[in-house]
Amino acid sequence: MRREGDIVLIYYQDQPGMFARIESIEPDFKKSWYQVTLLLLTIPTQAVTWILRESYIDGAPFTMSGMAIRLEEVKRVEGKKAEPEEDGKANLHKGLESTGKVIPFKKG
């Protein structure tokens, strides 16, 4: 089952709609149902609480007011960390294929 802090992509009518962070998952008074509080990552952010079964939290499709909804887990990206060079400084540019142009911000 998903955990608090996980990021999910909410599909609405089989189309990706918005991202949300799971804030809490608490048992509901109905057996096998949970109160799931989601922080919708929109502008402005908004917290909602949905009452869902475990299978819905884990990605099974369900309907809300007749509209198809599905939660899809957003996988964490594990990037390579820069390795320290002999002088102790990280080699930040090692292995980069292309270099970008740095444009400084100027006051005025």
C-alpha atoms as a PDB file:
ATOM      1  CA  MET A   1       0.000   0.000   0.000  1.00  0.00           C
ATOM      2  CA  ARG A   2       1.168   3.530  -0.660  1.00  0.00           C
ATOM      3  CA  ARG A   3       2.553   5.504   2.264  1.00  0.00           C
ATOM      4  CA  GLU A   4       2.346   9.010   3.613  1.00  0.00           C
ATOM      5  CA  GLY A   5       4.660  11.280   1.653  1.00  0.00           C
ATOM      6  CA  ASP A   6       4.270   9.358  -1.618  1.00  0.00           C
ATOM      7  CA  ILE A   7       3.555  11.402  -4.740  1.00  0.00           C
ATOM      8  CA  VAL A   8       0.779  10.184  -7.030  1.00  0.00           C
ATOM      9  CA  LEU A   9      -0.514  11.247 -10.417  1.00  0.00           C
ATOM     10  CA  ILE A  10      -4.306  11.493 -10.425  1.00  0.00           C
ATOM     11  CA  TYR A  11      -5.938  10.357 -13.660  1.00  0.00           C
ATOM     12  CA  TYR A  12      -9.356  11.861 -14.396  1.00  0.00           C
ATOM     13  CA  GLN A  13     -11.382  10.248 -17.196  1.00  0.00           C
ATOM     14  CA  ASP A  14      -8.239   8.277 -18.236  1.00  0.00           C
ATOM     15  CA  GLN A  15      -6.195  11.471 -18.688  1.00  0.00           C
ATOM     16  CA  PRO A  16      -3.431  12.668 -16.336  1.00  0.00           C
ATOM     17  CA  GLY A  17      -4.913  15.522 -14.330  1.00  0.00           C
ATOM     18  CA  MET A  18      -2.731  16.584 -11.416  1.00  0.00           C
ATOM     19  CA  PHE A  19      -0.111  15.492  -8.947  1.00  0.00           C
ATOM     20  CA  ALA A  20      -0.793  15.029  -5.245  1.00  0.00           C
ATOM     21  CA  ARG A  21       1.143  14.091  -2.126  1.00  0.00           C
ATOM     22  CA  ILE A  22      -0.406  11.615   0.295  1.00  0.00           C
ATOM     23  CA  GLU A  23      -0.568  13.464   3.609  1.00  0.00           C
ATOM     24  CA  SER A  24      -2.242  10.770   5.722  1.00  0.00           C
ATOM     25  CA  ILE A  25      -3.962   7.401   5.489  1.00  0.00           C
ATOM     26  CA  GLU A  26      -6.296   6.668   8.399  1.00  0.00           C
ATOM     27  CA  PRO A  27      -8.744   3.769   8.805  1.00  0.00           C
ATOM     28  CA  ASP A  28     -12.366   4.714   8.176  1.00  0.00           C
ATOM     29  CA  PHE A  29     -15.191   3.425  10.360  1.00  0.00           C
ATOM     30  CA  LYS A  30     -16.245   1.209   7.418  1.00  0.00           C
ATOM     31  CA  LYS A  31     -14.198  -1.996   7.353  1.00  0.00           C
ATOM     32  CA  SER A  32     -11.511  -2.115   4.622  1.00  0.00           C
ATOM     33  CA  TRP A  33     -11.885   1.597   3.780  1.00  0.00           C
ATOM     34  CA  TYR A  34      -9.434   4.430   4.519  1.00  0.00           C
ATOM     35  CA  GLN A  35      -9.616   8.204   4.801  1.00  0.00           C
ATOM     36  CA  VAL A  36      -6.846   9.412   2.519  1.00  0.00           C
ATOM     37  CA  THR A  37      -5.836  13.063   2.773  1.00  0.00           C
ATOM     38  CA  LEU A  38      -4.162  14.323  -0.402  1.00  0.00           C
ATOM     39  CA  LEU A  39      -2.372  17.624  -0.906  1.00  0.00           C
ATOM     40  CA  LEU A  40      -3.207  18.549  -4.488  1.00  0.00           C
ATOM     41  CA  LEU A  41      -0.076  20.073  -6.008  1.00  0.00           C
ATOM     42  CA  THR A  42      -1.878  22.829  -7.865  1.00  0.00           C
ATOM     43  CA  ILE A  43      -1.691  26.590  -7.547  1.00  0.00           C
ATOM     44  CA  PRO A  44      -2.876  27.217  -4.930  1.00  0.00           C
ATOM     45  CA  THR A  45      -2.388  23.871  -3.205  1.00  0.00           C
ATOM     46  CA  GLN A  46      -5.504  22.287  -1.787  1.00  0.00           C
ATOM     47  CA  ALA A  47      -6.037  19.467   0.717  1.00  0.00           C
ATOM     48  CA  VAL A  48      -8.817  16.952   0.098  1.00  0.00           C
ATOM     49  CA  THR A  49      -9.851  13.796   1.938  1.00  0.00           C
ATOM     50  CA  TRP A  50     -11.179  10.852  -0.041  1.00  0.00           C
ATOM     51  CA  ILE A  51     -12.548   7.630   1.446  1.00  0.00           C
ATOM     52  CA  LEU A  52     -10.938   4.814  -0.547  1.00  0.00           C
ATOM     53  CA  ARG A  53     -10.332   1.079  -0.437  1.00  0.00           C
ATOM     54  CA  GLU A  54      -6.743  -0.160  -0.294  1.00  0.00           C
ATOM     55  CA  SER A  55      -6.941  -1.349  -3.914  1.00  0.00           C
ATOM     56  CA  TYR A  56      -7.919   2.178  -5.038  1.00  0.00           C
ATOM     57  CA  ILE A  57      -4.989   3.668  -3.130  1.00  0.00           C
ATOM     58  CA  ASP A  58      -2.747   1.158  -4.915  1.00  0.00           C
ATOM     59  CA  GLY A  59      -3.930   2.145  -8.400  1.00  0.00           C
ATOM     60  CA  ALA A  60      -7.171   0.289  -9.171  1.00  0.00           C
ATOM     61  CA  PRO A  61      -9.618   2.508 -11.067  1.00  0.00           C
ATOM     62  CA  PHE A  62     -12.730   3.784  -9.293  1.00  0.00           C
ATOM     63  CA  THR A  63     -15.472   6.315  -9.952  1.00  0.00           C
ATOM     64  CA  MET A  64     -16.364   9.479  -8.108  1.00  0.00           C
ATOM     65  CA  SER A  65     -19.671  11.117  -9.079  1.00  0.00           C
ATOM     66  CA  GLY A  66     -19.662   8.899 -12.167  1.00  0.00           C
ATOM     67  CA  MET A  67     -16.209  10.074 -13.298  1.00  0.00           C
ATOM     68  CA  ALA A  68     -13.345   7.589 -13.721  1.00  0.00           C
ATOM     69  CA  ILE A  69     -10.404   8.218 -11.368  1.00  0.00           C
ATOM     70  CA  ARG A  70      -7.129   6.373 -10.831  1.00  0.00           C
ATOM     71  CA  LEU A  71      -4.049   7.047  -8.697  1.00  0.00           C
ATOM     72  CA  GLU A  72      -0.686   6.173 -10.229  1.00  0.00           C
ATOM     73  CA  GLU A  73       2.504   6.100  -8.208  1.00  0.00           C
ATOM     74  CA  VAL A  74       5.219   8.526  -9.272  1.00  0.00           C
ATOM     75  CA  LYS A  75       8.522   6.678  -9.053  1.00  0.00           C
ATOM     76  CA  ARG A  76      11.409   8.381  -7.342  1.00  0.00           C
ATOM     77  CA  VAL A  77      14.376   9.063  -9.594  1.00  0.00           C
ATOM     78  CA  GLU A  78      17.649   7.936  -8.121  1.00  0.00           C
ATOM     79  CA  GLY A  79      20.316  10.087  -9.725  1.00  0.00           C
ATOM     80  CA  LYS A  80      24.040   9.572  -9.669  1.00  0.00           C
ATOM     81  CA  LYS A  81      25.803  11.566  -7.020  1.00  0.00           C
ATOM     82  CA  ALA A  82      28.921  13.487  -7.884  1.00  0.00           C
ATOM     83  CA  GLU A  83      32.078  11.723  -6.770  1.00  0.00           C
ATOM     84  CA  PRO A  84      34.684  13.730  -4.848  1.00  0.00           C
ATOM     85  CA  GLU A  85      37.955  14.409  -6.599  1.00  0.00           C
ATOM     86  CA  GLU A  86      41.315  14.018  -4.928  1.00  0.00           C
ATOM     87  CA  ASP A  87      41.232  17.602  -3.607  1.00  0.00           C
ATOM     88  CA  GLY A  88      37.895  16.900  -1.889  1.00  0.00           C
ATOM     89  CA  LYS A  89      35.710  18.908  -4.271  1.00  0.00           C
ATOM     90  CA  ALA A  90      32.916  17.189  -6.160  1.00  0.00           C
ATOM     91  CA  ASN A  91      33.414  16.732  -9.868  1.00  0.00           C
ATOM     92  CA  LEU A  92      30.065  18.135 -10.966  1.00  0.00           C
ATOM     93  CA  HIS A  93      30.764  18.089 -14.697  1.00  0.00           C
ATOM     94  CA  LYS A  94      32.181  14.586 -14.995  1.00  0.00           C
ATOM     95  CA  GLY A  95      30.290  12.552 -17.598  1.00  0.00           C
ATOM     96  CA  LEU A  96      28.129  15.371 -18.955  1.00  0.00           C
ATOM     97  CA  GLU A  97      27.613  14.999 -22.688  1.00  0.00           C
ATOM     98  CA  SER A  98      26.655  18.577 -23.464  1.00  0.00           C
ATOM     99  CA  THR A  99      27.416  21.829 -21.754  1.00  0.00           C
ATOM    100  CA  GLY A 100      24.863  24.577 -21.302  1.00  0.00           C
ATOM    101  CA  LYS A 101      25.458  28.282 -21.501  1.00  0.00           C
ATOM    102  CA  VAL A 102      25.301  30.122 -18.178  1.00  0.00           C
ATOM    103  CA  ILE A 103      23.553  33.472 -18.441  1.00  0.00           C
ATOM    104  CA  PRO A 104      24.080  35.580 -15.306  1.00  0.00           C
ATOM    105  CA  PHE A 105      21.315  37.764 -13.925  1.00  0.00           C
ATOM    106  CA  LYS A 106      22.228  41.431 -14.011  1.00  0.00           C
ATOM    107  CA  LYS A 107      20.717  44.115 -11.834  1.00  0.00           C
ATOM    108  CA  GLY A 108      19.318  47.089 -13.520  1.00  0.00           C
END
